[in-house]
């Protein structure tokens, strides 16, 4: 299989297109990343930012970092494009795992609050379940959903994710769910 860093894959669902994030997405993505309802649900664990942005300049800087991270083969940040209006409504990041991390990848799903529904999240998780286990050498994918994220938790459960117990780790992750290939 060709590395996703040679050519980034594009995925399409009923309502969305997922493609590599671009600087041209900044204005659209600012709506998501400045949305106080969405911000509460972001998974910024182990990140250098909280992903709360309020200016186009801040959003540009973040996207430049995501593109740099893609070019240096650290992770892929996909823009989620609403197929109906062609606007970026959020992003999905997949971070591949390795032997040290027990081949567990990290999935981050950041979407504008009006899309935070069980139906839309389930649609995005279906892409993850179908493709992301093969995109990187991962047998497990974990993602965060705080207790207040009821729609997200329903989608995770309905897509085969289970509550992740990592209490044996030095720094346990709170509110994570896991999907095994």
N, C-alpha and C. Protein backbone atom coordinates (compact mmCIF):
# COMPACT_ATOMS: atom_id res chain seq x y z
N UNK A 1 0.84 -1.19 0.00
CA UNK A 1 0.00 0.00 0.00
C UNK A 1 0.88 1.25 0.00
N UNK A 2 0.52 2.22 -0.82
CA UNK A 2 1.27 3.47 -0.91
C UNK A 2 1.08 4.30 0.35
N UNK A 3 2.16 4.95 0.78
CA UNK A 3 2.10 5.81 1.96
C UNK A 3 1.11 6.96 1.74
N UNK A 4 0.27 7.27 2.75
CA UNK A 4 -0.64 8.41 2.61
C UNK A 4 0.10 9.75 2.56
N UNK A 5 1.40 9.71 2.85
CA UNK A 5 2.20 10.93 2.79
C UNK A 5 2.75 11.18 1.39
N UNK A 6 2.65 10.20 0.51
CA UNK A 6 3.02 10.39 -0.89
C UNK A 6 1.87 11.07 -1.61
N UNK A 7 0.68 10.53 -1.41
CA UNK A 7 -0.53 11.15 -1.95
C UNK A 7 -1.62 10.98 -0.90
N UNK A 8 -2.13 12.09 -0.41
CA UNK A 8 -3.14 12.02 0.64
C UNK A 8 -4.46 11.53 0.05
N UNK A 9 -5.04 10.51 0.67
CA UNK A 9 -6.32 10.01 0.15
C UNK A 9 -7.44 11.02 0.36
N UNK A 10 -8.49 10.85 -0.43
CA UNK A 10 -9.71 11.65 -0.31
C UNK A 10 -10.85 10.65 -0.10
N UNK A 11 -11.74 10.96 0.82
CA UNK A 11 -12.87 10.09 1.12
C UNK A 11 -14.16 10.87 0.97
N UNK A 12 -15.20 10.20 0.48
CA UNK A 12 -16.50 10.84 0.35
C UNK A 12 -17.56 9.99 1.02
N UNK A 13 -18.48 10.68 1.69
CA UNK A 13 -19.62 10.04 2.33
C UNK A 13 -20.88 10.69 1.76
N UNK A 14 -22.00 10.35 2.32
CA UNK A 14 -23.25 10.93 1.84
C UNK A 14 -23.25 12.46 1.96
N UNK A 15 -22.73 12.98 3.09
CA UNK A 15 -22.80 14.43 3.34
C UNK A 15 -21.46 15.15 3.28
N UNK A 16 -20.35 14.41 3.25
CA UNK A 16 -19.05 15.05 3.41
C UNK A 16 -18.00 14.54 2.43
N UNK A 17 -17.00 15.38 2.25
CA UNK A 17 -15.77 15.00 1.55
C UNK A 17 -14.64 15.28 2.52
N UNK A 18 -13.74 14.32 2.68
CA UNK A 18 -12.56 14.49 3.54
C UNK A 18 -11.34 14.55 2.65
N UNK A 19 -10.58 15.64 2.78
CA UNK A 19 -9.35 15.81 2.00
C UNK A 19 -8.35 16.56 2.86
N UNK A 20 -7.10 16.54 2.45
CA UNK A 20 -6.06 17.23 3.21
C UNK A 20 -6.44 18.69 3.42
N UNK A 21 -6.27 19.16 4.64
CA UNK A 21 -6.58 20.55 4.97
C UNK A 21 -5.72 21.49 4.14
N UNK A 22 -6.26 22.67 3.85
CA UNK A 22 -5.58 23.66 3.00
C UNK A 22 -5.73 25.04 3.62
N UNK A 23 -4.80 25.92 3.31
CA UNK A 23 -4.90 27.30 3.80
C UNK A 23 -6.18 27.98 3.32
N UNK A 24 -6.72 27.53 2.20
CA UNK A 24 -7.96 28.12 1.70
C UNK A 24 -9.17 27.78 2.58
N UNK A 25 -8.99 26.85 3.52
CA UNK A 25 -10.07 26.47 4.44
C UNK A 25 -10.15 27.38 5.66
N UNK A 26 -9.22 28.29 5.83
CA UNK A 26 -9.08 29.05 7.08
C UNK A 26 -10.36 29.79 7.49
N UNK A 27 -10.95 30.52 6.59
CA UNK A 27 -12.15 31.30 6.95
C UNK A 27 -13.29 30.37 7.37
N UNK A 28 -13.50 29.30 6.61
CA UNK A 28 -14.55 28.35 6.96
C UNK A 28 -14.25 27.69 8.30
N UNK A 29 -13.02 27.24 8.49
CA UNK A 29 -12.67 26.52 9.73
C UNK A 29 -12.72 27.41 10.96
N UNK A 30 -12.52 28.70 10.77
CA UNK A 30 -12.59 29.62 11.91
C UNK A 30 -13.97 29.55 12.57
N UNK A 31 -15.00 29.30 11.78
CA UNK A 31 -16.35 29.16 12.35
C UNK A 31 -16.41 28.01 13.35
N UNK A 32 -15.72 26.93 13.04
CA UNK A 32 -15.68 25.77 13.95
C UNK A 32 -14.78 26.06 15.15
N UNK A 33 -13.57 26.53 14.89
CA UNK A 33 -12.57 26.67 15.95
C UNK A 33 -12.78 27.89 16.84
N UNK A 34 -13.74 28.76 16.50
CA UNK A 34 -14.10 29.87 17.39
C UNK A 34 -15.45 29.61 18.06
N UNK A 35 -16.06 28.49 17.77
CA UNK A 35 -17.38 28.11 18.30
C UNK A 35 -17.22 27.57 19.73
N UNK A 36 -17.72 28.30 20.71
CA UNK A 36 -17.53 27.90 22.11
C UNK A 36 -18.16 26.54 22.42
N UNK A 37 -19.24 26.18 21.75
CA UNK A 37 -19.86 24.87 21.95
C UNK A 37 -18.96 23.76 21.42
N UNK A 38 -18.33 24.00 20.27
CA UNK A 38 -17.43 23.01 19.68
C UNK A 38 -16.14 22.89 20.49
N UNK A 39 -15.61 24.01 20.94
CA UNK A 39 -14.34 24.03 21.65
C UNK A 39 -14.33 23.09 22.85
N UNK A 40 -15.45 22.96 23.52
CA UNK A 40 -15.54 22.10 24.70
C UNK A 40 -15.29 20.63 24.36
N UNK A 41 -15.51 20.27 23.10
CA UNK A 41 -15.43 18.87 22.68
C UNK A 41 -14.11 18.51 22.00
N UNK A 42 -13.25 19.49 21.74
CA UNK A 42 -11.98 19.22 21.08
C UNK A 42 -11.09 18.36 21.96
N UNK A 43 -10.32 17.50 21.33
CA UNK A 43 -9.33 16.69 22.04
C UNK A 43 -7.96 17.32 21.78
N UNK A 44 -7.51 18.12 22.70
CA UNK A 44 -6.20 18.75 22.58
C UNK A 44 -5.18 18.08 23.49
N UNK A 45 -5.52 16.89 24.00
CA UNK A 45 -4.58 16.16 24.87
C UNK A 45 -3.25 15.97 24.16
N UNK A 46 -2.17 16.26 24.85
CA UNK A 46 -0.80 16.12 24.34
C UNK A 46 -0.50 17.00 23.14
N UNK A 47 -1.25 18.07 22.95
CA UNK A 47 -1.02 19.01 21.85
C UNK A 47 -0.42 20.30 22.39
N UNK A 48 0.17 21.07 21.50
CA UNK A 48 0.77 22.34 21.89
C UNK A 48 -0.25 23.48 21.89
N UNK A 49 -1.46 23.21 21.44
CA UNK A 49 -2.51 24.22 21.34
C UNK A 49 -3.81 23.67 21.91
N UNK A 50 -4.72 24.58 22.27
CA UNK A 50 -6.05 24.16 22.69
C UNK A 50 -7.04 24.21 21.52
N UNK A 51 -6.58 24.68 20.36
CA UNK A 51 -7.37 24.76 19.13
C UNK A 51 -8.55 25.72 19.25
N UNK A 52 -8.43 26.71 20.10
CA UNK A 52 -9.43 27.76 20.22
C UNK A 52 -8.87 28.99 19.51
N UNK A 53 -9.45 29.31 18.36
CA UNK A 53 -8.93 30.41 17.54
C UNK A 53 -10.03 31.42 17.27
N UNK A 54 -9.62 32.70 17.16
CA UNK A 54 -10.59 33.77 17.02
C UNK A 54 -10.27 34.71 15.86
N UNK A 55 -9.13 34.52 15.20
CA UNK A 55 -8.78 35.35 14.04
C UNK A 55 -8.34 34.45 12.89
N UNK A 56 -8.46 34.98 11.69
CA UNK A 56 -8.02 34.24 10.50
C UNK A 56 -6.52 33.99 10.58
N UNK A 57 -5.78 34.94 11.14
CA UNK A 57 -4.32 34.77 11.26
C UNK A 57 -3.99 33.58 12.16
N UNK A 58 -4.70 33.43 13.27
CA UNK A 58 -4.47 32.28 14.15
C UNK A 58 -4.81 30.97 13.43
N UNK A 59 -5.91 30.99 12.68
CA UNK A 59 -6.32 29.79 11.95
C UNK A 59 -5.30 29.46 10.87
N UNK A 60 -4.79 30.46 10.16
CA UNK A 60 -3.74 30.23 9.16
C UNK A 60 -2.51 29.59 9.79
N UNK A 61 -2.09 30.12 10.93
CA UNK A 61 -0.90 29.58 11.60
C UNK A 61 -1.11 28.11 11.98
N UNK A 62 -2.29 27.79 12.46
CA UNK A 62 -2.60 26.40 12.83
C UNK A 62 -2.57 25.51 11.60
N UNK A 63 -3.22 25.94 10.53
CA UNK A 63 -3.25 25.14 9.30
C UNK A 63 -1.83 24.95 8.76
N UNK A 64 -1.01 25.98 8.82
CA UNK A 64 0.39 25.83 8.37
C UNK A 64 1.09 24.75 9.18
N UNK A 65 0.83 24.68 10.48
CA UNK A 65 1.42 23.65 11.33
C UNK A 65 0.91 22.27 10.92
N UNK A 66 -0.39 22.16 10.65
CA UNK A 66 -0.95 20.88 10.22
C UNK A 66 -0.32 20.43 8.90
N UNK A 67 -0.15 21.35 7.97
CA UNK A 67 0.46 21.01 6.67
C UNK A 67 1.92 20.61 6.86
N UNK A 68 2.65 21.33 7.70
CA UNK A 68 4.03 20.96 8.01
C UNK A 68 4.08 19.56 8.63
N UNK A 69 3.17 19.28 9.53
CA UNK A 69 3.13 17.96 10.18
C UNK A 69 2.84 16.86 9.16
N UNK A 70 2.01 17.16 8.18
CA UNK A 70 1.76 16.19 7.11
C UNK A 70 3.03 15.98 6.29
N UNK A 71 3.67 17.07 5.89
CA UNK A 71 4.88 16.97 5.05
C UNK A 71 6.01 16.25 5.77
N UNK A 72 6.05 16.33 7.10
CA UNK A 72 7.10 15.65 7.87
C UNK A 72 6.60 14.31 8.42
N UNK A 73 5.47 13.86 7.89
CA UNK A 73 4.91 12.53 8.17
C UNK A 73 4.63 12.27 9.66
N UNK A 74 4.06 13.28 10.31
CA UNK A 74 3.68 13.13 11.72
C UNK A 74 2.23 12.69 11.88
N UNK A 75 1.33 13.30 11.12
CA UNK A 75 -0.09 12.95 11.13
C UNK A 75 -0.76 13.60 9.94
N UNK A 76 -2.01 13.19 9.71
CA UNK A 76 -2.81 13.78 8.63
C UNK A 76 -4.00 14.49 9.26
N UNK A 77 -4.20 15.73 8.86
CA UNK A 77 -5.38 16.49 9.30
C UNK A 77 -6.22 16.71 8.04
N UNK A 78 -7.37 16.05 7.99
CA UNK A 78 -8.30 16.18 6.87
C UNK A 78 -9.28 17.31 7.16
N UNK A 79 -9.60 18.10 6.14
CA UNK A 79 -10.71 19.04 6.24
C UNK A 79 -11.98 18.25 5.95
N UNK A 80 -13.03 18.54 6.72
CA UNK A 80 -14.34 17.93 6.48
C UNK A 80 -15.15 18.97 5.70
N UNK A 81 -15.45 18.64 4.46
CA UNK A 81 -16.17 19.56 3.57
C UNK A 81 -17.63 19.14 3.47
N UNK A 82 -18.54 20.05 3.77
CA UNK A 82 -19.97 19.79 3.60
C UNK A 82 -20.23 19.74 2.09
N UNK A 83 -20.69 18.61 1.59
CA UNK A 83 -20.89 18.42 0.15
C UNK A 83 -21.97 19.35 -0.41
N UNK A 84 -22.89 19.77 0.42
CA UNK A 84 -23.99 20.62 -0.06
C UNK A 84 -23.54 22.05 -0.35
N UNK A 85 -22.70 22.62 0.54
CA UNK A 85 -22.29 24.02 0.34
C UNK A 85 -20.80 24.21 0.09
N UNK A 86 -20.04 23.09 0.05
CA UNK A 86 -18.60 23.11 -0.24
C UNK A 86 -17.77 23.88 0.79
N UNK A 87 -18.27 24.00 2.03
CA UNK A 87 -17.54 24.69 3.08
C UNK A 87 -16.90 23.70 4.04
N UNK A 88 -15.73 24.05 4.54
CA UNK A 88 -15.07 23.23 5.56
C UNK A 88 -15.78 23.47 6.89
N UNK A 89 -16.26 22.39 7.51
CA UNK A 89 -17.03 22.51 8.75
C UNK A 89 -16.28 21.94 9.95
N UNK A 90 -15.06 21.49 9.71
CA UNK A 90 -14.26 20.92 10.78
C UNK A 90 -13.11 20.12 10.21
N UNK A 91 -12.45 19.36 11.08
CA UNK A 91 -11.32 18.54 10.64
C UNK A 91 -11.33 17.20 11.37
N UNK A 92 -10.63 16.26 10.75
CA UNK A 92 -10.36 14.95 11.37
C UNK A 92 -8.86 14.74 11.27
N UNK A 93 -8.26 14.36 12.37
CA UNK A 93 -6.83 14.02 12.38
C UNK A 93 -6.69 12.54 12.71
N UNK A 94 -5.80 11.88 11.99
CA UNK A 94 -5.42 10.52 12.35
C UNK A 94 -3.91 10.51 12.55
N UNK A 95 -3.53 10.01 13.71
CA UNK A 95 -2.14 9.95 14.13
C UNK A 95 -1.80 8.48 14.26
N UNK A 96 -0.91 7.98 13.42
CA UNK A 96 -0.59 6.56 13.40
C UNK A 96 0.15 6.09 14.63
N UNK A 97 -0.09 4.85 14.98
CA UNK A 97 0.58 4.24 16.13
C UNK A 97 1.81 3.45 15.69
N UNK A 98 2.57 3.00 16.67
CA UNK A 98 3.76 2.20 16.41
C UNK A 98 3.88 1.15 17.51
N UNK A 99 4.93 0.36 17.47
CA UNK A 99 5.09 -0.71 18.46
C UNK A 99 5.15 -0.17 19.88
N UNK A 100 5.79 0.98 20.07
CA UNK A 100 5.89 1.58 21.39
C UNK A 100 4.50 1.91 21.94
N UNK A 101 3.61 2.33 21.05
CA UNK A 101 2.25 2.69 21.44
C UNK A 101 1.26 1.56 21.16
N UNK A 102 1.74 0.34 21.10
CA UNK A 102 0.91 -0.85 20.89
C UNK A 102 0.04 -0.71 19.63
N UNK A 103 0.59 -0.07 18.60
CA UNK A 103 -0.10 0.11 17.33
C UNK A 103 -1.50 0.71 17.51
N UNK A 104 -1.57 1.70 18.38
CA UNK A 104 -2.81 2.40 18.63
C UNK A 104 -2.71 3.81 18.05
N UNK A 105 -3.61 4.14 17.13
CA UNK A 105 -3.67 5.46 16.53
C UNK A 105 -4.64 6.35 17.28
N UNK A 106 -4.44 7.65 17.15
CA UNK A 106 -5.31 8.63 17.80
C UNK A 106 -6.13 9.34 16.73
N UNK A 107 -7.43 9.40 16.96
CA UNK A 107 -8.36 10.06 16.06
C UNK A 107 -8.90 11.30 16.76
N UNK A 108 -8.81 12.45 16.09
CA UNK A 108 -9.38 13.69 16.62
C UNK A 108 -10.46 14.14 15.64
N UNK A 109 -11.64 14.44 16.15
CA UNK A 109 -12.74 14.90 15.31
C UNK A 109 -13.20 16.24 15.87
N UNK A 110 -12.97 17.30 15.12
CA UNK A 110 -13.38 18.65 15.50
C UNK A 110 -14.39 19.12 14.46
N UNK A 111 -15.63 19.36 14.88
CA UNK A 111 -16.65 19.82 13.94
C UNK A 111 -17.46 20.96 14.55
N UNK A 112 -18.01 21.79 13.67
CA UNK A 112 -18.87 22.89 14.11
C UNK A 112 -20.06 22.30 14.88
N UNK A 113 -20.50 23.00 15.89
CA UNK A 113 -21.51 22.46 16.80
C UNK A 113 -22.81 22.07 16.10
N UNK A 114 -23.18 22.75 15.03
CA UNK A 114 -24.44 22.38 14.38
C UNK A 114 -24.35 21.02 13.69
N UNK A 115 -23.13 20.49 13.51
CA UNK A 115 -22.93 19.16 12.93
C UNK A 115 -22.69 18.10 14.00
N UNK A 116 -22.70 18.49 15.25
CA UNK A 116 -22.43 17.56 16.35
C UNK A 116 -23.69 16.73 16.63
N UNK A 117 -24.03 15.89 15.65
CA UNK A 117 -25.18 14.99 15.78
C UNK A 117 -24.71 13.56 15.63
N UNK A 118 -25.46 12.66 16.20
CA UNK A 118 -25.11 11.24 16.12
C UNK A 118 -24.99 10.79 14.67
N UNK A 119 -25.89 11.23 13.81
CA UNK A 119 -25.89 10.83 12.40
C UNK A 119 -24.59 11.28 11.69
N UNK A 120 -24.24 12.55 11.82
CA UNK A 120 -23.05 13.06 11.13
C UNK A 120 -21.77 12.45 11.69
N UNK A 121 -21.69 12.34 13.00
CA UNK A 121 -20.48 11.78 13.60
C UNK A 121 -20.33 10.31 13.22
N UNK A 122 -21.44 9.60 13.20
CA UNK A 122 -21.41 8.19 12.79
C UNK A 122 -20.91 8.07 11.35
N UNK A 123 -21.33 8.97 10.50
CA UNK A 123 -20.89 8.98 9.11
C UNK A 123 -19.37 9.16 9.02
N UNK A 124 -18.83 10.06 9.84
CA UNK A 124 -17.38 10.29 9.85
C UNK A 124 -16.62 9.11 10.46
N UNK A 125 -17.17 8.54 11.52
CA UNK A 125 -16.53 7.38 12.15
C UNK A 125 -16.51 6.17 11.23
N UNK A 126 -17.50 6.06 10.36
CA UNK A 126 -17.52 4.97 9.40
C UNK A 126 -16.32 5.05 8.46
N UNK A 127 -15.93 6.26 8.07
CA UNK A 127 -14.72 6.43 7.26
C UNK A 127 -13.51 5.96 8.06
N UNK A 128 -13.43 6.38 9.32
CA UNK A 128 -12.32 5.97 10.17
C UNK A 128 -12.25 4.45 10.27
N UNK A 129 -13.37 3.82 10.60
CA UNK A 129 -13.38 2.37 10.76
C UNK A 129 -13.02 1.63 9.48
N UNK A 130 -13.47 2.14 8.36
CA UNK A 130 -13.26 1.46 7.07
C UNK A 130 -11.85 1.65 6.54
N UNK A 131 -11.25 2.84 6.73
CA UNK A 131 -9.99 3.15 6.06
C UNK A 131 -8.79 3.40 6.96
N UNK A 132 -8.99 4.00 8.13
CA UNK A 132 -7.85 4.47 8.91
C UNK A 132 -7.03 3.35 9.54
N UNK A 133 -7.63 2.19 9.78
CA UNK A 133 -6.85 1.07 10.32
C UNK A 133 -5.79 0.62 9.31
N UNK A 134 -6.05 0.82 8.03
CA UNK A 134 -5.10 0.42 6.99
C UNK A 134 -4.22 1.57 6.53
N UNK A 135 -4.62 2.79 6.83
CA UNK A 135 -3.84 3.96 6.43
C UNK A 135 -2.48 3.97 7.14
N UNK A 136 -2.50 3.55 8.39
CA UNK A 136 -1.30 3.43 9.22
C UNK A 136 -1.30 2.02 9.81
N UNK A 137 -0.16 1.56 10.31
CA UNK A 137 -0.16 0.22 10.92
C UNK A 137 -0.77 0.26 12.33
N UNK A 138 -2.09 0.42 12.38
CA UNK A 138 -2.77 0.48 13.67
C UNK A 138 -3.78 -0.66 13.79
N UNK A 139 -3.79 -1.26 14.95
CA UNK A 139 -4.84 -2.26 15.22
C UNK A 139 -5.96 -1.65 16.05
N UNK A 140 -5.64 -0.57 16.75
CA UNK A 140 -6.63 0.13 17.56
C UNK A 140 -6.63 1.61 17.21
N UNK A 141 -7.80 2.22 17.32
CA UNK A 141 -7.92 3.67 17.18
C UNK A 141 -8.66 4.16 18.41
N UNK A 142 -8.08 5.17 19.08
CA UNK A 142 -8.74 5.77 20.24
C UNK A 142 -9.15 7.20 19.92
N UNK A 143 -10.21 7.63 20.56
CA UNK A 143 -10.68 9.00 20.40
C UNK A 143 -11.36 9.44 21.69
N UNK A 144 -11.43 10.73 21.88
CA UNK A 144 -11.95 11.28 23.13
C UNK A 144 -13.39 11.75 22.95
N UNK A 145 -14.19 11.51 23.98
CA UNK A 145 -15.56 12.02 24.05
C UNK A 145 -15.88 12.27 25.51
N UNK A 146 -15.95 13.54 25.89
CA UNK A 146 -16.26 13.87 27.28
C UNK A 146 -17.71 13.48 27.58
N UNK A 147 -18.06 13.26 28.83
CA UNK A 147 -19.43 12.83 29.17
C UNK A 147 -20.53 13.75 28.63
N UNK A 148 -20.27 15.04 28.50
CA UNK A 148 -21.27 15.97 27.98
C UNK A 148 -21.53 15.81 26.48
N UNK A 149 -20.69 15.04 25.79
CA UNK A 149 -20.81 14.84 24.34
C UNK A 149 -21.71 13.65 24.03
N UNK A 150 -22.97 13.75 24.42
CA UNK A 150 -23.91 12.64 24.30
C UNK A 150 -24.09 12.12 22.88
N UNK A 151 -24.22 13.02 21.92
CA UNK A 151 -24.39 12.60 20.52
C UNK A 151 -23.15 11.87 20.02
N UNK A 152 -22.00 12.37 20.38
CA UNK A 152 -20.73 11.75 19.97
C UNK A 152 -20.59 10.36 20.59
N UNK A 153 -20.92 10.25 21.85
CA UNK A 153 -20.81 8.95 22.54
C UNK A 153 -21.76 7.93 21.90
N UNK A 154 -22.99 8.36 21.58
CA UNK A 154 -23.93 7.45 20.90
C UNK A 154 -23.34 6.97 19.57
N UNK A 155 -22.75 7.89 18.81
CA UNK A 155 -22.16 7.53 17.52
C UNK A 155 -21.01 6.55 17.71
N UNK A 156 -20.16 6.82 18.71
CA UNK A 156 -19.03 5.93 18.97
C UNK A 156 -19.51 4.52 19.29
N UNK A 157 -20.46 4.40 20.19
CA UNK A 157 -20.99 3.09 20.58
C UNK A 157 -21.61 2.39 19.36
N UNK A 158 -22.38 3.13 18.57
CA UNK A 158 -23.04 2.55 17.39
C UNK A 158 -22.06 2.19 16.28
N UNK A 159 -20.84 2.69 16.36
CA UNK A 159 -19.81 2.35 15.37
C UNK A 159 -18.78 1.37 15.93
N UNK A 160 -19.10 0.73 17.04
CA UNK A 160 -18.24 -0.34 17.55
C UNK A 160 -17.12 0.10 18.47
N UNK A 161 -17.12 1.36 18.91
CA UNK A 161 -16.14 1.82 19.89
C UNK A 161 -16.59 1.39 21.29
N UNK A 162 -15.64 1.16 22.16
CA UNK A 162 -15.92 0.82 23.54
C UNK A 162 -15.15 1.76 24.45
N UNK A 163 -15.66 1.96 25.66
CA UNK A 163 -14.94 2.78 26.64
C UNK A 163 -13.54 2.21 26.82
N UNK A 164 -12.54 3.08 26.84
CA UNK A 164 -11.15 2.67 26.89
C UNK A 164 -10.64 2.78 28.32
N UNK A 165 -10.21 1.67 28.87
CA UNK A 165 -9.65 1.66 30.22
C UNK A 165 -8.13 1.60 30.12
N UNK A 166 -7.49 2.68 30.45
CA UNK A 166 -6.02 2.71 30.41
C UNK A 166 -5.46 3.10 31.78
N UNK A 167 -6.13 2.67 32.81
CA UNK A 167 -5.73 3.03 34.17
C UNK A 167 -4.34 2.53 34.54
N UNK A 168 -3.79 1.62 33.75
CA UNK A 168 -2.46 1.11 34.06
C UNK A 168 -1.35 2.05 33.56
N UNK A 169 -1.70 3.04 32.75
CA UNK A 169 -0.70 3.97 32.23
C UNK A 169 -0.25 4.97 33.29
N UNK A 170 0.96 5.49 33.12
CA UNK A 170 1.46 6.51 34.04
C UNK A 170 0.56 7.75 34.03
N UNK A 171 0.14 8.14 32.83
CA UNK A 171 -0.74 9.30 32.68
C UNK A 171 -2.01 8.81 31.98
N UNK A 172 -2.97 8.29 32.73
CA UNK A 172 -4.19 7.74 32.11
C UNK A 172 -4.94 8.78 31.28
N UNK A 173 -5.49 8.33 30.17
CA UNK A 173 -6.33 9.19 29.35
C UNK A 173 -7.75 9.11 29.92
N UNK A 174 -8.38 10.24 30.04
CA UNK A 174 -9.75 10.28 30.55
C UNK A 174 -10.72 10.40 29.37
N UNK A 175 -11.86 9.74 29.45
CA UNK A 175 -12.95 9.90 28.49
C UNK A 175 -12.60 9.44 27.08
N UNK A 176 -11.84 8.38 26.95
CA UNK A 176 -11.48 7.86 25.63
C UNK A 176 -12.26 6.61 25.29
N UNK A 177 -12.44 6.39 24.00
CA UNK A 177 -13.10 5.21 23.46
C UNK A 177 -12.15 4.57 22.46
N UNK A 178 -12.27 3.25 22.27
CA UNK A 178 -11.35 2.51 21.42
C UNK A 178 -12.11 1.66 20.42
N UNK A 179 -11.56 1.59 19.20
CA UNK A 179 -12.07 0.72 18.14
C UNK A 179 -10.93 -0.18 17.72
N UNK A 180 -11.22 -1.48 17.68
CA UNK A 180 -10.20 -2.47 17.30
C UNK A 180 -10.57 -3.03 15.92
N UNK A 181 -9.56 -3.10 15.06
CA UNK A 181 -9.78 -3.63 13.70
C UNK A 181 -10.18 -5.09 13.75
